[in-house]
Amino acid sequence: MQLGAPRLYAGPVVDDLQVLVANHLRRAGQRFTPRRKVLIEALARAGRPVTAAELVAAEPRLPQSTAYQNLAFLEQAGVVRRVMGSDEFARFEIAEGVTGRHHHHLVCISCGAIEDFEAPRKLEKGLTDAIRQFTSGTGFRADTHRLDILGCCARCTG
């Protein structure tokens, strides 16, 4: 996997993203260690959910054991989100609560690749309204939503 230039989120670039992550971890009573910084940089450059193995392959400063341990830690701290695809490999991305970037996923059922997409505002409103209808009278309180669209990516259909 080739990781490109840092991806811009809704506002913060990688330096700002590191400040947001550091603040998030500080509020949780945790430190933003140099290895965790490298991991966040690699996730930001990826621009899509990636496996731990892809991160290790793309970032020589990340020892495999450290990457797995820190991904698990950052997930528990709410900084990183695990995204499950159609295969047995978990993929990771920086959590929406950190980036402020609400998005959904296109999941390839053939190769397992996952790509991010942002839904138009009208569709987001429709999803929110539908969720409100589904949960009305159930006692369930919806906090947010995720939409994963399953199909085949361009590589697998081409």
C-alpha atoms as a PDB file:
ATOM      1  CA  MET A   1       0.000   0.000   0.000  1.00  0.00           C
ATOM      2  CA  GLN A   2       1.317   3.410  -0.912  1.00  0.00           C
ATOM      3  CA  LEU A   3       0.432   6.136   1.547  1.00  0.00           C
ATOM      4  CA  GLY A   4       0.267   9.575   0.000  1.00  0.00           C
ATOM      5  CA  ALA A   5       0.361  13.089   1.363  1.00  0.00           C
ATOM      6  CA  PRO A   6      -1.473  13.790   4.609  1.00  0.00           C
ATOM      7  CA  ARG A   7      -5.200  13.787   4.030  1.00  0.00           C
ATOM      8  CA  LEU A   8      -7.063  16.891   5.007  1.00  0.00           C
ATOM      9  CA  TYR A   9     -10.047  16.310   7.254  1.00  0.00           C
ATOM     10  CA  ALA A  10     -12.813  18.782   7.953  1.00  0.00           C
ATOM     11  CA  GLY A  11     -10.472  21.448   9.238  1.00  0.00           C
ATOM     12  CA  PRO A  12      -7.417  19.937  10.874  1.00  0.00           C
ATOM     13  CA  VAL A  13      -4.319  18.953   8.937  1.00  0.00           C
ATOM     14  CA  VAL A  14      -1.938  16.398  10.418  1.00  0.00           C
ATOM     15  CA  ASP A  15      -0.305  18.839  12.898  1.00  0.00           C
ATOM     16  CA  ASP A  16      -3.710  20.016  14.087  1.00  0.00           C
ATOM     17  CA  LEU A  17      -4.883  16.412  14.171  1.00  0.00           C
ATOM     18  CA  GLN A  18      -1.994  15.568  16.500  1.00  0.00           C
ATOM     19  CA  VAL A  19      -3.053  18.395  18.817  1.00  0.00           C
ATOM     20  CA  LEU A  20      -6.616  17.061  18.822  1.00  0.00           C
ATOM     21  CA  VAL A  21      -5.410  13.517  19.563  1.00  0.00           C
ATOM     22  CA  ALA A  22      -3.045  14.734  22.298  1.00  0.00           C
ATOM     23  CA  ASN A  23      -5.882  16.674  23.934  1.00  0.00           C
ATOM     24  CA  HIS A  24      -8.229  13.695  23.671  1.00  0.00           C
ATOM     25  CA  LEU A  25      -5.652  11.401  25.293  1.00  0.00           C
ATOM     26  CA  ARG A  26      -4.794  13.947  27.974  1.00  0.00           C
ATOM     27  CA  ARG A  27      -8.486  14.156  28.966  1.00  0.00           C
ATOM     28  CA  ALA A  28      -8.414  10.346  29.225  1.00  0.00           C
ATOM     29  CA  GLY A  29      -5.332  10.555  31.469  1.00  0.00           C
ATOM     30  CA  GLN A  30      -3.043   9.072  28.801  1.00  0.00           C
ATOM     31  CA  ARG A  31       0.096  10.199  26.978  1.00  0.00           C
ATOM     32  CA  PHE A  32       0.589  10.806  23.264  1.00  0.00           C
ATOM     33  CA  THR A  33       3.833   8.885  22.878  1.00  0.00           C
ATOM     34  CA  PRO A  34       6.171   9.163  19.861  1.00  0.00           C
ATOM     35  CA  ARG A  35       5.033   5.761  18.532  1.00  0.00           C
ATOM     36  CA  ARG A  36       1.389   6.774  18.825  1.00  0.00           C
ATOM     37  CA  LYS A  37       2.214   9.965  16.900  1.00  0.00           C
ATOM     38  CA  VAL A  38       3.770   7.905  14.099  1.00  0.00           C
ATOM     39  CA  LEU A  39       0.683   5.693  14.032  1.00  0.00           C
ATOM     40  CA  ILE A  40      -1.689   8.689  13.822  1.00  0.00           C
ATOM     41  CA  GLU A  41       0.441  10.209  11.031  1.00  0.00           C
ATOM     42  CA  ALA A  42       0.267   6.949   9.073  1.00  0.00           C
ATOM     43  CA  LEU A  43      -3.509   6.690   9.543  1.00  0.00           C
ATOM     44  CA  ALA A  44      -3.936  10.306   8.422  1.00  0.00           C
ATOM     45  CA  ARG A  45      -1.824   9.704   5.299  1.00  0.00           C
ATOM     46  CA  ALA A  46      -3.786   6.573   4.417  1.00  0.00           C
ATOM     47  CA  GLY A  47      -6.996   8.528   3.886  1.00  0.00           C
ATOM     48  CA  ARG A  48      -9.081   5.362   4.211  1.00  0.00           C
ATOM     49  CA  PRO A  49      -9.491   2.515   6.695  1.00  0.00           C
ATOM     50  CA  VAL A  50      -6.354   0.331   6.638  1.00  0.00           C
ATOM     51  CA  THR A  51      -5.229  -2.900   8.267  1.00  0.00           C
ATOM     52  CA  ALA A  52      -2.499  -2.990  10.879  1.00  0.00           C
ATOM     53  CA  ALA A  53      -0.345  -4.928   8.405  1.00  0.00           C
ATOM     54  CA  GLU A  54      -0.772  -2.163   5.799  1.00  0.00           C
ATOM     55  CA  LEU A  55       0.285   0.433   8.363  1.00  0.00           C
ATOM     56  CA  VAL A  56       3.375  -1.539   9.346  1.00  0.00           C
ATOM     57  CA  ALA A  57       4.327  -2.098   5.688  1.00  0.00           C
ATOM     58  CA  ALA A  58       3.916   1.605   4.872  1.00  0.00           C
ATOM     59  CA  GLU A  59       5.669   2.973   7.960  1.00  0.00           C
ATOM     60  CA  PRO A  60       9.112   1.528   8.774  1.00  0.00           C
ATOM     61  CA  ARG A  61       9.176   3.335  12.147  1.00  0.00           C
ATOM     62  CA  LEU A  62       6.298   1.126  13.363  1.00  0.00           C
ATOM     63  CA  PRO A  63       7.332  -2.223  14.824  1.00  0.00           C
ATOM     64  CA  GLN A  64       4.531  -4.733  14.302  1.00  0.00           C
ATOM     65  CA  SER A  65       3.935  -5.490  17.993  1.00  0.00           C
ATOM     66  CA  THR A  66       3.843  -1.794  18.874  1.00  0.00           C
ATOM     67  CA  ALA A  67       1.404  -1.042  16.052  1.00  0.00           C
ATOM     68  CA  TYR A  68      -1.062  -3.708  17.189  1.00  0.00           C
ATOM     69  CA  GLN A  69      -0.788  -2.712  20.867  1.00  0.00           C
ATOM     70  CA  ASN A  70      -1.195   0.989  20.145  1.00  0.00           C
ATOM     71  CA  LEU A  71      -4.106   0.466  17.745  1.00  0.00           C
ATOM     72  CA  ALA A  72      -5.918  -1.457  20.471  1.00  0.00           C
ATOM     73  CA  PHE A  73      -5.105   1.233  23.022  1.00  0.00           C
ATOM     74  CA  LEU A  74      -6.130   4.104  20.727  1.00  0.00           C
ATOM     75  CA  GLU A  75      -9.363   2.287  19.883  1.00  0.00           C
ATOM     76  CA  GLN A  76     -10.212   1.925  23.591  1.00  0.00           C
ATOM     77  CA  ALA A  77      -9.398   5.605  24.100  1.00  0.00           C
ATOM     78  CA  GLY A  78     -11.824   6.572  21.313  1.00  0.00           C
ATOM     79  CA  VAL A  79      -9.123   8.018  19.054  1.00  0.00           C
ATOM     80  CA  VAL A  80      -9.198   5.217  16.482  1.00  0.00           C
ATOM     81  CA  ARG A  81     -12.218   3.330  15.158  1.00  0.00           C
ATOM     82  CA  ARG A  82     -12.226  -0.284  13.981  1.00  0.00           C
ATOM     83  CA  VAL A  83     -14.013  -0.812  10.675  1.00  0.00           C
ATOM     84  CA  MET A  84     -14.977  -4.343   9.724  1.00  0.00           C
ATOM     85  CA  GLY A  85     -15.057  -5.233   6.067  1.00  0.00           C
ATOM     86  CA  SER A  86     -16.180  -8.349   4.302  1.00  0.00           C
ATOM     87  CA  ASP A  87     -12.996 -10.284   5.102  1.00  0.00           C
ATOM     88  CA  GLU A  88     -11.352 -11.347   8.356  1.00  0.00           C
ATOM     89  CA  PHE A  89      -9.126  -8.260   8.605  1.00  0.00           C
ATOM     90  CA  ALA A  90     -10.071  -5.332  10.783  1.00  0.00           C
ATOM     91  CA  ARG A  91      -9.243  -1.956   9.374  1.00  0.00           C
ATOM     92  CA  PHE A  92      -8.639   1.194  11.352  1.00  0.00           C
ATOM     93  CA  GLU A  93      -9.245   4.890  10.858  1.00  0.00           C
ATOM     94  CA  ILE A  94      -9.084   7.979  13.017  1.00  0.00           C
ATOM     95  CA  ALA A  95     -12.392   8.300  14.873  1.00  0.00           C
ATOM     96  CA  GLU A  96     -14.969  10.838  13.769  1.00  0.00           C
ATOM     97  CA  GLY A  97     -15.021  12.285  17.277  1.00  0.00           C
ATOM     98  CA  VAL A  98     -11.423  13.379  16.718  1.00  0.00           C
ATOM     99  CA  THR A  99     -11.593  14.495  13.076  1.00  0.00           C
ATOM    100  CA  GLY A 100     -15.074  15.973  13.093  1.00  0.00           C
ATOM    101  CA  ARG A 101     -15.537  14.332   9.684  1.00  0.00           C
ATOM    102  CA  HIS A 102     -18.716  12.226   9.477  1.00  0.00           C
ATOM    103  CA  HIS A 103     -18.513   9.694   6.676  1.00  0.00           C
ATOM    104  CA  HIS A 104     -19.590   6.257   5.508  1.00  0.00           C
ATOM    105  CA  HIS A 105     -17.920   3.329   3.740  1.00  0.00           C
ATOM    106  CA  LEU A 106     -17.971   1.477   0.444  1.00  0.00           C
ATOM    107  CA  VAL A 107     -16.981  -2.120   1.276  1.00  0.00           C
ATOM    108  CA  CYS A 108     -15.781  -4.479  -1.466  1.00  0.00           C
ATOM    109  CA  ILE A 109     -17.115  -7.984  -0.793  1.00  0.00           C
ATOM    110  CA  SER A 110     -14.526  -9.445  -3.157  1.00  0.00           C
ATOM    111  CA  CYS A 111     -11.175  -8.055  -1.960  1.00  0.00           C
ATOM    112  CA  GLY A 112     -12.229  -6.458   1.347  1.00  0.00           C
ATOM    113  CA  ALA A 113     -11.092  -2.932   0.434  1.00  0.00           C
ATOM    114  CA  ILE A 114     -12.907  -0.092   2.170  1.00  0.00           C
ATOM    115  CA  GLU A 115     -13.217   3.441   0.866  1.00  0.00           C
ATOM    116  CA  ASP A 116     -14.679   6.458   2.668  1.00  0.00           C
ATOM    117  CA  PHE A 117     -17.416   8.638   1.236  1.00  0.00           C
ATOM    118  CA  GLU A 118     -19.344  11.591   2.542  1.00  0.00           C
ATOM    119  CA  ALA A 119     -23.075  11.562   1.905  1.00  0.00           C
ATOM    120  CA  PRO A 120     -24.817  14.684   0.658  1.00  0.00           C
ATOM    121  CA  ARG A 121     -26.530  16.725   3.363  1.00  0.00           C
ATOM    122  CA  LYS A 122     -29.999  15.769   2.057  1.00  0.00           C
ATOM    123  CA  LEU A 123     -29.194  12.050   2.379  1.00  0.00           C
ATOM    124  CA  GLU A 124     -27.802  12.541   5.904  1.00  0.00           C
ATOM    125  CA  LYS A 125     -31.024  14.290   6.908  1.00  0.00           C
ATOM    126  CA  GLY A 126     -33.058  11.436   5.416  1.00  0.00           C
ATOM    127  CA  LEU A 127     -31.002   8.875   7.357  1.00  0.00           C
ATOM    128  CA  THR A 128     -31.442  10.842  10.566  1.00  0.00           C
ATOM    129  CA  ASP A 129     -35.204  11.084  10.008  1.00  0.00           C
ATOM    130  CA  ALA A 130     -35.442   7.340   9.242  1.00  0.00           C
ATOM    131  CA  ILE A 131     -33.470   6.477  12.386  1.00  0.00           C
ATOM    132  CA  ARG A 132     -35.777   8.682  14.434  1.00  0.00           C
ATOM    133  CA  GLN A 133     -38.780   6.796  13.008  1.00  0.00           C
ATOM    134  CA  PHE A 134     -37.198   3.370  13.631  1.00  0.00           C
ATOM    135  CA  THR A 135     -36.361   4.165  17.236  1.00  0.00           C
ATOM    136  CA  SER A 136     -39.504   6.104  18.134  1.00  0.00           C
ATOM    137  CA  GLY A 137     -41.261   4.457  21.043  1.00  0.00           C
ATOM    138  CA  THR A 138     -38.559   1.811  21.546  1.00  0.00           C
ATOM    139  CA  GLY A 139     -36.644   3.506  24.351  1.00  0.00           C
ATOM    140  CA  PHE A 140     -33.505   3.262  22.209  1.00  0.00           C
ATOM    141  CA  ARG A 141     -31.439   6.442  21.965  1.00  0.00           C
ATOM    142  CA  ALA A 142     -29.437   6.682  18.740  1.00  0.00           C
ATOM    143  CA  ASP A 143     -26.220   8.677  19.098  1.00  0.00           C
ATOM    144  CA  THR A 144     -24.916   8.440  15.550  1.00  0.00           C
ATOM    145  CA  HIS A 145     -25.099   6.205  12.511  1.00  0.00           C
ATOM    146  CA  ARG A 146     -22.855   4.463  10.008  1.00  0.00           C
ATOM    147  CA  LEU A 147     -23.732   3.386   6.515  1.00  0.00           C
ATOM    148  CA  ASP A 148     -21.677   0.630   4.896  1.00  0.00           C
ATOM    149  CA  ILE A 149     -22.514  -0.080   1.267  1.00  0.00           C
ATOM    150  CA  LEU A 150     -21.473  -3.577   0.187  1.00  0.00           C
ATOM    151  CA  GLY A 151     -20.530  -4.349  -3.402  1.00  0.00           C
ATOM    152  CA  CYS A 152     -17.499  -4.751  -5.661  1.00  0.00           C
ATOM    153  CA  CYS A 153     -14.825  -2.103  -6.133  1.00  0.00           C
ATOM    154  CA  ALA A 154     -13.594  -0.947  -9.543  1.00  0.00           C
ATOM    155  CA  ARG A 155     -10.521  -3.234  -9.357  1.00  0.00           C
ATOM    156  CA  CYS A 156     -12.674  -6.302  -8.778  1.00  0.00           C
ATOM    157  CA  THR A 157     -15.318  -5.496 -11.394  1.00  0.00           C
ATOM    158  CA  GLY A 158     -12.898  -4.243 -14.047  1.00  0.00           C
END
